[in-house]
Amino acid sequence: GLHEVMPIDNALSAMVLQRASAADIEKEA
């Protein structure tokens, strides 16, 4: 298997709620 796992912390959760771009979320992760 190839795996990509992105644990969600408070910073990433806030980015999702603020509708940040997928690229910005990926960069932060």
mmCIF file of all heavy atoms, coordinates in Angstrom:
data_MODEL
# 
_entry.id   MODEL 
# 
loop_
_atom_site.group_PDB 
_atom_site.id 
_atom_site.type_symbol 
_atom_site.label_atom_id 
_atom_site.label_alt_id 
_atom_site.label_comp_id 
_atom_site.label_asym_id 
_atom_site.label_entity_id 
_atom_site.label_seq_id 
_atom_site.pdbx_PDB_ins_code 
_atom_site.Cartn_x 
_atom_site.Cartn_y 
_atom_site.Cartn_z 
_atom_site.occupancy 
_atom_site.B_iso_or_equiv 
_atom_site.pdbx_formal_charge 
_atom_site.auth_seq_id 
_atom_site.auth_comp_id 
_atom_site.auth_asym_id 
_atom_site.auth_atom_id 
_atom_site.pdbx_PDB_model_num 
ATOM 1   N N   . GLY A 1 1  ? 0.810   -1.211 0.000  1.00 0.00 ? 1  GLY A N   1 
ATOM 2   C CA  . GLY A 1 1  ? 0.000   0.000  0.000  1.00 0.00 ? 1  GLY A CA  1 
ATOM 3   C C   . GLY A 1 1  ? 0.842   1.259  0.000  1.00 0.00 ? 1  GLY A C   1 
ATOM 4   O O   . GLY A 1 1  ? 1.934   1.301  0.560  1.00 0.00 ? 1  GLY A O   1 
ATOM 5   N N   . LEU A 1 2  ? 0.327   2.269  -0.657 1.00 0.00 ? 2  LEU A N   1 
ATOM 6   C CA  . LEU A 1 2  ? 0.861   3.624  -0.537 1.00 0.00 ? 2  LEU A CA  1 
ATOM 7   C C   . LEU A 1 2  ? -0.134  4.373  0.336  1.00 0.00 ? 2  LEU A C   1 
ATOM 8   O O   . LEU A 1 2  ? -1.338  4.270  0.140  1.00 0.00 ? 2  LEU A O   1 
ATOM 9   C CB  . LEU A 1 2  ? 0.958   4.299  -1.903 1.00 0.00 ? 2  LEU A CB  1 
ATOM 10  C CG  . LEU A 1 2  ? 1.867   3.646  -2.916 1.00 0.00 ? 2  LEU A CG  1 
ATOM 11  C CD1 . LEU A 1 2  ? 1.886   4.467  -4.202 1.00 0.00 ? 2  LEU A CD1 1 
ATOM 12  C CD2 . LEU A 1 2  ? 3.264   3.472  -2.374 1.00 0.00 ? 2  LEU A CD2 1 
ATOM 13  N N   . HIS A 1 3  ? 0.391   5.113  1.291  1.00 0.00 ? 3  HIS A N   1 
ATOM 14  C CA  . HIS A 1 3  ? -0.492  5.749  2.264  1.00 0.00 ? 3  HIS A CA  1 
ATOM 15  C C   . HIS A 1 3  ? -0.207  7.242  2.389  1.00 0.00 ? 3  HIS A C   1 
ATOM 16  O O   . HIS A 1 3  ? 0.940   7.662  2.394  1.00 0.00 ? 3  HIS A O   1 
ATOM 17  C CB  . HIS A 1 3  ? -0.321  5.101  3.643  1.00 0.00 ? 3  HIS A CB  1 
ATOM 18  C CG  . HIS A 1 3  ? -0.542  3.630  3.609  1.00 0.00 ? 3  HIS A CG  1 
ATOM 19  N ND1 . HIS A 1 3  ? -1.793  3.073  3.597  1.00 0.00 ? 3  HIS A ND1 1 
ATOM 20  C CD2 . HIS A 1 3  ? 0.321   2.587  3.559  1.00 0.00 ? 3  HIS A CD2 1 
ATOM 21  C CE1 . HIS A 1 3  ? -1.689  1.764  3.552  1.00 0.00 ? 3  HIS A CE1 1 
ATOM 22  N NE2 . HIS A 1 3  ? -0.409  1.445  3.531  1.00 0.00 ? 3  HIS A NE2 1 
ATOM 23  N N   . GLU A 1 4  ? -1.279  7.985  2.483  1.00 0.00 ? 4  GLU A N   1 
ATOM 24  C CA  . GLU A 1 4  ? -1.208  9.417  2.760  1.00 0.00 ? 4  GLU A CA  1 
ATOM 25  C C   . GLU A 1 4  ? -2.185  9.668  3.900  1.00 0.00 ? 4  GLU A C   1 
ATOM 26  O O   . GLU A 1 4  ? -3.388  9.540  3.722  1.00 0.00 ? 4  GLU A O   1 
ATOM 27  C CB  . GLU A 1 4  ? -1.596  10.212 1.514  1.00 0.00 ? 4  GLU A CB  1 
ATOM 28  C CG  . GLU A 1 4  ? -1.557  11.701 1.710  1.00 0.00 ? 4  GLU A CG  1 
ATOM 29  C CD  . GLU A 1 4  ? -1.821  12.441 0.417  1.00 0.00 ? 4  GLU A CD  1 
ATOM 30  O OE1 . GLU A 1 4  ? -3.002  12.648 0.082  1.00 0.00 ? 4  GLU A OE1 1 
ATOM 31  O OE2 . GLU A 1 4  ? -0.857  12.804 -0.264 1.00 0.00 ? 4  GLU A OE2 1 
ATOM 32  N N   . VAL A 1 5  ? -1.642  9.977  5.043  1.00 0.00 ? 5  VAL A N   1 
ATOM 33  C CA  . VAL A 1 5  ? -2.476  10.203 6.226  1.00 0.00 ? 5  VAL A CA  1 
ATOM 34  C C   . VAL A 1 5  ? -2.235  11.625 6.710  1.00 0.00 ? 5  VAL A C   1 
ATOM 35  O O   . VAL A 1 5  ? -1.093  12.048 6.872  1.00 0.00 ? 5  VAL A O   1 
ATOM 36  C CB  . VAL A 1 5  ? -2.130  9.196  7.345  1.00 0.00 ? 5  VAL A CB  1 
ATOM 37  C CG1 . VAL A 1 5  ? -2.961  9.467  8.585  1.00 0.00 ? 5  VAL A CG1 1 
ATOM 38  C CG2 . VAL A 1 5  ? -2.345  7.769  6.848  1.00 0.00 ? 5  VAL A CG2 1 
ATOM 39  N N   . MET A 1 6  ? -3.309  12.350 6.932  1.00 0.00 ? 6  MET A N   1 
ATOM 40  C CA  . MET A 1 6  ? -3.194  13.734 7.365  1.00 0.00 ? 6  MET A CA  1 
ATOM 41  C C   . MET A 1 6  ? -3.903  13.901 8.705  1.00 0.00 ? 6  MET A C   1 
ATOM 42  O O   . MET A 1 6  ? -5.125  14.062 8.757  1.00 0.00 ? 6  MET A O   1 
ATOM 43  C CB  . MET A 1 6  ? -3.814  14.673 6.322  1.00 0.00 ? 6  MET A CB  1 
ATOM 44  C CG  . MET A 1 6  ? -3.655  16.138 6.671  1.00 0.00 ? 6  MET A CG  1 
ATOM 45  S SD  . MET A 1 6  ? -4.251  17.254 5.381  1.00 0.00 ? 6  MET A SD  1 
ATOM 46  C CE  . MET A 1 6  ? -6.015  17.131 5.605  1.00 0.00 ? 6  MET A CE  1 
ATOM 47  N N   . PRO A 1 7  ? -3.150  13.840 9.794  1.00 0.00 ? 7  PRO A N   1 
ATOM 48  C CA  . PRO A 1 7  ? -3.769  14.113 11.099 1.00 0.00 ? 7  PRO A CA  1 
ATOM 49  C C   . PRO A 1 7  ? -4.270  15.560 11.135 1.00 0.00 ? 7  PRO A C   1 
ATOM 50  O O   . PRO A 1 7  ? -3.579  16.468 10.670 1.00 0.00 ? 7  PRO A O   1 
ATOM 51  C CB  . PRO A 1 7  ? -2.629  13.907 12.095 1.00 0.00 ? 7  PRO A CB  1 
ATOM 52  C CG  . PRO A 1 7  ? -1.597  13.122 11.361 1.00 0.00 ? 7  PRO A CG  1 
ATOM 53  C CD  . PRO A 1 7  ? -1.751  13.483 9.920  1.00 0.00 ? 7  PRO A CD  1 
ATOM 54  N N   . ILE A 1 8  ? -5.453  15.737 11.642 1.00 0.00 ? 8  ILE A N   1 
ATOM 55  C CA  . ILE A 1 8  ? -6.053  17.076 11.700 1.00 0.00 ? 8  ILE A CA  1 
ATOM 56  C C   . ILE A 1 8  ? -5.866  17.652 13.102 1.00 0.00 ? 8  ILE A C   1 
ATOM 57  O O   . ILE A 1 8  ? -6.358  17.097 14.079 1.00 0.00 ? 8  ILE A O   1 
ATOM 58  C CB  . ILE A 1 8  ? -7.556  17.021 11.365 1.00 0.00 ? 8  ILE A CB  1 
ATOM 59  C CG1 . ILE A 1 8  ? -7.790  16.410 9.985  1.00 0.00 ? 8  ILE A CG1 1 
ATOM 60  C CG2 . ILE A 1 8  ? -8.180  18.409 11.461 1.00 0.00 ? 8  ILE A CG2 1 
ATOM 61  C CD1 . ILE A 1 8  ? -7.307  17.246 8.832  1.00 0.00 ? 8  ILE A CD1 1 
ATOM 62  N N   . ASP A 1 9  ? -5.125  18.744 13.168 1.00 0.00 ? 9  ASP A N   1 
ATOM 63  C CA  . ASP A 1 9  ? -4.975  19.450 14.442 1.00 0.00 ? 9  ASP A CA  1 
ATOM 64  C C   . ASP A 1 9  ? -5.831  20.713 14.393 1.00 0.00 ? 9  ASP A C   1 
ATOM 65  O O   . ASP A 1 9  ? -6.567  20.948 13.434 1.00 0.00 ? 9  ASP A O   1 
ATOM 66  C CB  . ASP A 1 9  ? -3.500  19.754 14.723 1.00 0.00 ? 9  ASP A CB  1 
ATOM 67  C CG  . ASP A 1 9  ? -2.900  20.733 13.737 1.00 0.00 ? 9  ASP A CG  1 
ATOM 68  O OD1 . ASP A 1 9  ? -3.611  21.192 12.814 1.00 0.00 ? 9  ASP A OD1 1 
ATOM 69  O OD2 . ASP A 1 9  ? -1.708  21.053 13.885 1.00 0.00 ? 9  ASP A OD2 1 
ATOM 70  N N   . ASN A 1 10 ? -5.727  21.534 15.417 1.00 0.00 ? 10 ASN A N   1 
ATOM 71  C CA  . ASN A 1 10 ? -6.552  22.749 15.470 1.00 0.00 ? 10 ASN A CA  1 
ATOM 72  C C   . ASN A 1 10 ? -6.265  23.696 14.314 1.00 0.00 ? 10 ASN A C   1 
ATOM 73  O O   . ASN A 1 10 ? -7.186  24.310 13.773 1.00 0.00 ? 10 ASN A O   1 
ATOM 74  C CB  . ASN A 1 10 ? -6.359  23.460 16.807 1.00 0.00 ? 10 ASN A CB  1 
ATOM 75  C CG  . ASN A 1 10 ? -6.992  22.698 17.951 1.00 0.00 ? 10 ASN A CG  1 
ATOM 76  O OD1 . ASN A 1 10 ? -7.894  21.888 17.738 1.00 0.00 ? 10 ASN A OD1 1 
ATOM 77  N ND2 . ASN A 1 10 ? -6.522  22.945 19.166 1.00 0.00 ? 10 ASN A ND2 1 
ATOM 78  N N   . ALA A 1 11 ? -5.000  23.836 13.932 1.00 0.00 ? 11 ALA A N   1 
ATOM 79  C CA  . ALA A 1 11 ? -4.647  24.754 12.844 1.00 0.00 ? 11 ALA A CA  1 
ATOM 80  C C   . ALA A 1 11 ? -5.249  24.294 11.521 1.00 0.00 ? 11 ALA A C   1 
ATOM 81  O O   . ALA A 1 11 ? -5.834  25.091 10.779 1.00 0.00 ? 11 ALA A O   1 
ATOM 82  C CB  . ALA A 1 11 ? -3.127  24.863 12.727 1.00 0.00 ? 11 ALA A CB  1 
ATOM 83  N N   . LEU A 1 12 ? -5.136  23.004 11.227 1.00 0.00 ? 12 LEU A N   1 
ATOM 84  C CA  . LEU A 1 12 ? -5.706  22.495 9.979  1.00 0.00 ? 12 LEU A CA  1 
ATOM 85  C C   . LEU A 1 12 ? -7.226  22.541 10.011 1.00 0.00 ? 12 LEU A C   1 
ATOM 86  O O   . LEU A 1 12 ? -7.870  22.861 9.006  1.00 0.00 ? 12 LEU A O   1 
ATOM 87  C CB  . LEU A 1 12 ? -5.219  21.072 9.700  1.00 0.00 ? 12 LEU A CB  1 
ATOM 88  C CG  . LEU A 1 12 ? -3.775  20.967 9.226  1.00 0.00 ? 12 LEU A CG  1 
ATOM 89  C CD1 . LEU A 1 12 ? -3.320  19.517 9.189  1.00 0.00 ? 12 LEU A CD1 1 
ATOM 90  C CD2 . LEU A 1 12 ? -3.601  21.598 7.859  1.00 0.00 ? 12 LEU A CD2 1 
ATOM 91  N N   . SER A 1 13 ? -7.799  22.238 11.155 1.00 0.00 ? 13 SER A N   1 
ATOM 92  C CA  . SER A 1 13 ? -9.251  22.305 11.296 1.00 0.00 ? 13 SER A CA  1 
ATOM 93  C C   . SER A 1 13 ? -9.752  23.729 11.024 1.00 0.00 ? 13 SER A C   1 
ATOM 94  O O   . SER A 1 13 ? -10.742 23.922 10.313 1.00 0.00 ? 13 SER A O   1 
ATOM 95  C CB  . SER A 1 13 ? -9.654  21.859 12.691 1.00 0.00 ? 13 SER A CB  1 
ATOM 96  O OG  . SER A 1 13 ? -11.047 21.901 12.831 1.00 0.00 ? 13 SER A OG  1 
ATOM 97  N N   . ALA A 1 14 ? -9.052  24.709 11.552 1.00 0.00 ? 14 ALA A N   1 
ATOM 98  C CA  . ALA A 1 14 ? -9.429  26.105 11.330 1.00 0.00 ? 14 ALA A CA  1 
ATOM 99  C C   . ALA A 1 14 ? -9.322  26.470 9.851  1.00 0.00 ? 14 ALA A C   1 
ATOM 100 O O   . ALA A 1 14 ? -10.190 27.167 9.322  1.00 0.00 ? 14 ALA A O   1 
ATOM 101 C CB  . ALA A 1 14 ? -8.554  27.020 12.171 1.00 0.00 ? 14 ALA A CB  1 
ATOM 102 N N   . MET A 1 15 ? -8.275  25.961 9.192  1.00 0.00 ? 15 MET A N   1 
ATOM 103 C CA  . MET A 1 15 ? -8.121  26.244 7.758  1.00 0.00 ? 15 MET A CA  1 
ATOM 104 C C   . MET A 1 15 ? -9.281  25.663 6.959  1.00 0.00 ? 15 MET A C   1 
ATOM 105 O O   . MET A 1 15 ? -9.798  26.302 6.040  1.00 0.00 ? 15 MET A O   1 
ATOM 106 C CB  . MET A 1 15 ? -6.795  25.688 7.239  1.00 0.00 ? 15 MET A CB  1 
ATOM 107 C CG  . MET A 1 15 ? -5.572  26.429 7.754  1.00 0.00 ? 15 MET A CG  1 
ATOM 108 S SD  . MET A 1 15 ? -4.039  25.722 7.135  1.00 0.00 ? 15 MET A SD  1 
ATOM 109 C CE  . MET A 1 15 ? -4.047  26.353 5.442  1.00 0.00 ? 15 MET A CE  1 
ATOM 110 N N   . VAL A 1 16 ? -9.707  24.466 7.312  1.00 0.00 ? 16 VAL A N   1 
ATOM 111 C CA  . VAL A 1 16 ? -10.837 23.834 6.619  1.00 0.00 ? 16 VAL A CA  1 
ATOM 112 C C   . VAL A 1 16 ? -12.103 24.656 6.843  1.00 0.00 ? 16 VAL A C   1 
ATOM 113 O O   . VAL A 1 16 ? -12.849 24.944 5.896  1.00 0.00 ? 16 VAL A O   1 
ATOM 114 C CB  . VAL A 1 16 ? -11.022 22.380 7.094  1.00 0.00 ? 16 VAL A CB  1 
ATOM 115 C CG1 . VAL A 1 16 ? -12.327 21.793 6.571  1.00 0.00 ? 16 VAL A CG1 1 
ATOM 116 C CG2 . VAL A 1 16 ? -9.841  21.513 6.668  1.00 0.00 ? 16 VAL A CG2 1 
ATOM 117 N N   . LEU A 1 17 ? -12.350 25.038 8.094  1.00 0.00 ? 17 LEU A N   1 
ATOM 118 C CA  . LEU A 1 17 ? -13.551 25.817 8.405  1.00 0.00 ? 17 LEU A CA  1 
ATOM 119 C C   . LEU A 1 17 ? -13.550 27.176 7.712  1.00 0.00 ? 17 LEU A C   1 
ATOM 120 O O   . LEU A 1 17 ? -14.615 27.714 7.391  1.00 0.00 ? 17 LEU A O   1 
ATOM 121 C CB  . LEU A 1 17 ? -13.695 25.985 9.914  1.00 0.00 ? 17 LEU A CB  1 
ATOM 122 C CG  . LEU A 1 17 ? -14.026 24.699 10.673 1.00 0.00 ? 17 LEU A CG  1 
ATOM 123 C CD1 . LEU A 1 17 ? -13.961 24.935 12.178 1.00 0.00 ? 17 LEU A CD1 1 
ATOM 124 C CD2 . LEU A 1 17 ? -15.380 24.161 10.258 1.00 0.00 ? 17 LEU A CD2 1 
ATOM 125 N N   . GLN A 1 18 ? -12.356 27.727 7.486  1.00 0.00 ? 18 GLN A N   1 
ATOM 126 C CA  . GLN A 1 18 ? -12.244 29.021 6.802  1.00 0.00 ? 18 GLN A CA  1 
ATOM 127 C C   . GLN A 1 18 ? -12.218 28.855 5.279  1.00 0.00 ? 18 GLN A C   1 
ATOM 128 O O   . GLN A 1 18 ? -12.019 29.812 4.555  1.00 0.00 ? 18 GLN A O   1 
ATOM 129 C CB  . GLN A 1 18 ? -10.988 29.747 7.268  1.00 0.00 ? 18 GLN A CB  1 
ATOM 130 C CG  . GLN A 1 18 ? -11.045 30.144 8.715  1.00 0.00 ? 18 GLN A CG  1 
ATOM 131 C CD  . GLN A 1 18 ? -9.695  30.613 9.246  1.00 0.00 ? 18 GLN A CD  1 
ATOM 132 O OE1 . GLN A 1 18 ? -8.708  30.665 8.528  1.00 0.00 ? 18 GLN A OE1 1 
ATOM 133 N NE2 . GLN A 1 18 ? -9.648  30.938 10.526 1.00 0.00 ? 18 GLN A NE2 1 
ATOM 134 N N   . ARG A 1 19 ? -12.391 27.613 4.832  1.00 0.00 ? 19 ARG A N   1 
ATOM 135 C CA  . ARG A 1 19 ? -12.429 27.298 3.403  1.00 0.00 ? 19 ARG A CA  1 
ATOM 136 C C   . ARG A 1 19 ? -11.139 27.683 2.677  1.00 0.00 ? 19 ARG A C   1 
ATOM 137 O O   . ARG A 1 19 ? -11.159 28.231 1.569  1.00 0.00 ? 19 ARG A O   1 
ATOM 138 C CB  . ARG A 1 19 ? -13.635 27.914 2.727  1.00 0.00 ? 19 ARG A CB  1 
ATOM 139 C CG  . ARG A 1 19 ? -14.952 27.411 3.288  1.00 0.00 ? 19 ARG A CG  1 
ATOM 140 C CD  . ARG A 1 19 ? -16.131 27.964 2.502  1.00 0.00 ? 19 ARG A CD  1 
ATOM 141 N NE  . ARG A 1 19 ? -17.380 27.568 3.088  1.00 0.00 ? 19 ARG A NE  1 
ATOM 142 C CZ  . ARG A 1 19 ? -18.072 26.498 2.719  1.00 0.00 ? 19 ARG A CZ  1 
ATOM 143 N NH1 . ARG A 1 19 ? -17.612 25.731 1.775  1.00 0.00 ? 19 ARG A NH1 1 
ATOM 144 N NH2 . ARG A 1 19 ? -19.217 26.210 3.299  1.00 0.00 ? 19 ARG A NH2 1 
ATOM 145 N N   . ALA A 1 20 ? -10.013 27.390 3.317  1.00 0.00 ? 20 ALA A N   1 
ATOM 146 C CA  . ALA A 1 20 ? -8.719  27.610 2.674  1.00 0.00 ? 20 ALA A CA  1 
ATOM 147 C C   . ALA A 1 20 ? -8.616  26.689 1.464  1.00 0.00 ? 20 ALA A C   1 
ATOM 148 O O   . ALA A 1 20 ? -9.293  25.656 1.387  1.00 0.00 ? 20 ALA A O   1 
ATOM 149 C CB  . ALA A 1 20 ? -7.591  27.310 3.660  1.00 0.00 ? 20 ALA A CB  1 
ATOM 150 N N   . SER A 1 21 ? -7.758  27.049 0.541  1.00 0.00 ? 21 SER A N   1 
ATOM 151 C CA  . SER A 1 21 ? -7.609  26.221 -0.661 1.00 0.00 ? 21 SER A CA  1 
ATOM 152 C C   . SER A 1 21 ? -6.971  24.881 -0.299 1.00 0.00 ? 21 SER A C   1 
ATOM 153 O O   . SER A 1 21 ? -6.255  24.757 0.703  1.00 0.00 ? 21 SER A O   1 
ATOM 154 C CB  . SER A 1 21 ? -6.732  26.942 -1.690 1.00 0.00 ? 21 SER A CB  1 
ATOM 155 O OG  . SER A 1 21 ? -5.389  26.966 -1.247 1.00 0.00 ? 21 SER A OG  1 
ATOM 156 N N   . ALA A 1 22 ? -7.223  23.889 -1.128 1.00 0.00 ? 22 ALA A N   1 
ATOM 157 C CA  . ALA A 1 22 ? -6.637  22.564 -0.911 1.00 0.00 ? 22 ALA A CA  1 
ATOM 158 C C   . ALA A 1 22 ? -5.117  22.646 -0.927 1.00 0.00 ? 22 ALA A C   1 
ATOM 159 O O   . ALA A 1 22 ? -4.442  21.966 -0.143 1.00 0.00 ? 22 ALA A O   1 
ATOM 160 C CB  . ALA A 1 22 ? -7.137  21.591 -1.970 1.00 0.00 ? 22 ALA A CB  1 
ATOM 161 N N   . ALA A 1 23 ? -4.576  23.490 -1.787 1.00 0.00 ? 23 ALA A N   1 
ATOM 162 C CA  . ALA A 1 23 ? -3.118  23.641 -1.859 1.00 0.00 ? 23 ALA A CA  1 
ATOM 163 C C   . ALA A 1 23 ? -2.554  24.208 -0.567 1.00 0.00 ? 23 ALA A C   1 
ATOM 164 O O   . ALA A 1 23 ? -1.505  23.751 -0.083 1.00 0.00 ? 23 ALA A O   1 
ATOM 165 C CB  . ALA A 1 23 ? -2.742  24.533 -3.046 1.00 0.00 ? 23 ALA A CB  1 
ATOM 166 N N   . ASP A 1 24 ? -3.245  25.198 0.012  1.00 0.00 ? 24 ASP A N   1 
ATOM 167 C CA  . ASP A 1 24 ? -2.783  25.775 1.276  1.00 0.00 ? 24 ASP A CA  1 
ATOM 168 C C   . ASP A 1 24 ? -2.872  24.769 2.419  1.00 0.00 ? 24 ASP A C   1 
ATOM 169 O O   . ASP A 1 24 ? -1.977  24.684 3.258  1.00 0.00 ? 24 ASP A O   1 
ATOM 170 C CB  . ASP A 1 24 ? -3.584  27.033 1.626  1.00 0.00 ? 24 ASP A CB  1 
ATOM 171 C CG  . ASP A 1 24 ? -3.250  28.220 0.732  1.00 0.00 ? 24 ASP A CG  1 
ATOM 172 O OD1 . ASP A 1 24 ? -2.181  28.181 0.073  1.00 0.00 ? 24 ASP A OD1 1 
ATOM 173 O OD2 . ASP A 1 24 ? -4.059  29.162 0.685  1.00 0.00 ? 24 ASP A OD2 1 
ATOM 174 N N   . ILE A 1 25 ? -3.942  23.998 2.429  1.00 0.00 ? 25 ILE A N   1 
ATOM 175 C CA  . ILE A 1 25 ? -4.107  22.984 3.475  1.00 0.00 ? 25 ILE A CA  1 
ATOM 176 C C   . ILE A 1 25 ? -3.028  21.920 3.331  1.00 0.00 ? 25 ILE A C   1 
ATOM 177 O O   . ILE A 1 25 ? -2.404  21.513 4.316  1.00 0.00 ? 25 ILE A O   1 
ATOM 178 C CB  . ILE A 1 25 ? -5.518  22.372 3.425  1.00 0.00 ? 25 ILE A CB  1 
ATOM 179 C CG1 . ILE A 1 25 ? -6.555  23.434 3.833  1.00 0.00 ? 25 ILE A CG1 1 
ATOM 180 C CG2 . ILE A 1 25 ? -5.612  21.137 4.320  1.00 0.00 ? 25 ILE A CG2 1 
ATOM 181 C CD1 . ILE A 1 25 ? -7.992  23.019 3.594  1.00 0.00 ? 25 ILE A CD1 1 
ATOM 182 N N   . GLU A 1 26 ? -2.779  21.483 2.106  1.00 0.00 ? 26 GLU A N   1 
ATOM 183 C CA  . GLU A 1 26 ? -1.731  20.479 1.888  1.00 0.00 ? 26 GLU A CA  1 
ATOM 184 C C   . GLU A 1 26 ? -0.367  21.008 2.310  1.00 0.00 ? 26 GLU A C   1 
ATOM 185 O O   . GLU A 1 26 ? 0.403   20.308 2.976  1.00 0.00 ? 26 GLU A O   1 
ATOM 186 C CB  . GLU A 1 26 ? -1.679  20.041 0.427  1.00 0.00 ? 26 GLU A CB  1 
ATOM 187 C CG  . GLU A 1 26 ? -0.599  18.999 0.187  1.00 0.00 ? 26 GLU A CG  1 
ATOM 188 C CD  . GLU A 1 26 ? -0.489  18.552 -1.255 1.00 0.00 ? 26 GLU A CD  1 
ATOM 189 O OE1 . GLU A 1 26 ? -1.065  19.195 -2.154 1.00 0.00 ? 26 GLU A OE1 1 
ATOM 190 O OE2 . GLU A 1 26 ? 0.202   17.546 -1.491 1.00 0.00 ? 26 GLU A OE2 1 
ATOM 191 N N   . LYS A 1 27 ? -0.068  22.249 1.959  1.00 0.00 ? 27 LYS A N   1 
ATOM 192 C CA  . LYS A 1 27 ? 1.230   22.824 2.326  1.00 0.00 ? 27 LYS A CA  1 
ATOM 193 C C   . LYS A 1 27 ? 1.399   22.839 3.847  1.00 0.00 ? 27 LYS A C   1 
ATOM 194 O O   . LYS A 1 27 ? 2.439   22.459 4.368  1.00 0.00 ? 27 LYS A O   1 
ATOM 195 C CB  . LYS A 1 27 ? 1.386   24.229 1.766  1.00 0.00 ? 27 LYS A CB  1 
ATOM 196 C CG  . LYS A 1 27 ? 2.729   24.850 2.104  1.00 0.00 ? 27 LYS A CG  1 
ATOM 197 C CD  . LYS A 1 27 ? 2.844   26.263 1.581  1.00 0.00 ? 27 LYS A CD  1 
ATOM 198 C CE  . LYS A 1 27 ? 4.180   26.883 1.893  1.00 0.00 ? 27 LYS A CE  1 
ATOM 199 N NZ  . LYS A 1 27 ? 4.744   26.621 3.190  1.00 0.00 ? 27 LYS A NZ  1 
ATOM 200 N N   . GLU A 1 28 ? 0.365   23.265 4.546  1.00 0.00 ? 28 GLU A N   1 
ATOM 201 C CA  . GLU A 1 28 ? 0.426   23.297 6.008  1.00 0.00 ? 28 GLU A CA  1 
ATOM 202 C C   . GLU A 1 28 ? 0.593   21.888 6.578  1.00 0.00 ? 28 GLU A C   1 
ATOM 203 O O   . GLU A 1 28 ? 1.389   21.670 7.487  1.00 0.00 ? 28 GLU A O   1 
ATOM 204 C CB  . GLU A 1 28 ? -0.844  23.947 6.584  1.00 0.00 ? 28 GLU A CB  1 
ATOM 205 C CG  . GLU A 1 28 ? -0.902  23.984 8.095  1.00 0.00 ? 28 GLU A CG  1 
ATOM 206 C CD  . GLU A 1 28 ? 0.176   24.844 8.734  1.00 0.00 ? 28 GLU A CD  1 
ATOM 207 O OE1 . GLU A 1 28 ? 0.713   25.760 8.082  1.00 0.00 ? 28 GLU A OE1 1 
ATOM 208 O OE2 . GLU A 1 28 ? 0.491   24.585 9.921  1.00 0.00 ? 28 GLU A OE2 1 
ATOM 209 N N   . ALA A 1 29 ? -0.139  20.934 6.028  1.00 0.00 ? 29 ALA A N   1 
ATOM 210 C CA  . ALA A 1 29 ? -0.043  19.553 6.522  1.00 0.00 ? 29 ALA A CA  1 
ATOM 211 C C   . ALA A 1 29 ? 1.355   18.980 6.281  1.00 0.00 ? 29 ALA A C   1 
ATOM 212 O O   . ALA A 1 29 ? 1.924   18.330 7.165  1.00 0.00 ? 29 ALA A O   1 
ATOM 213 C CB  . ALA A 1 29 ? -1.098  18.682 5.842  1.00 0.00 ? 29 ALA A CB  1 
# 
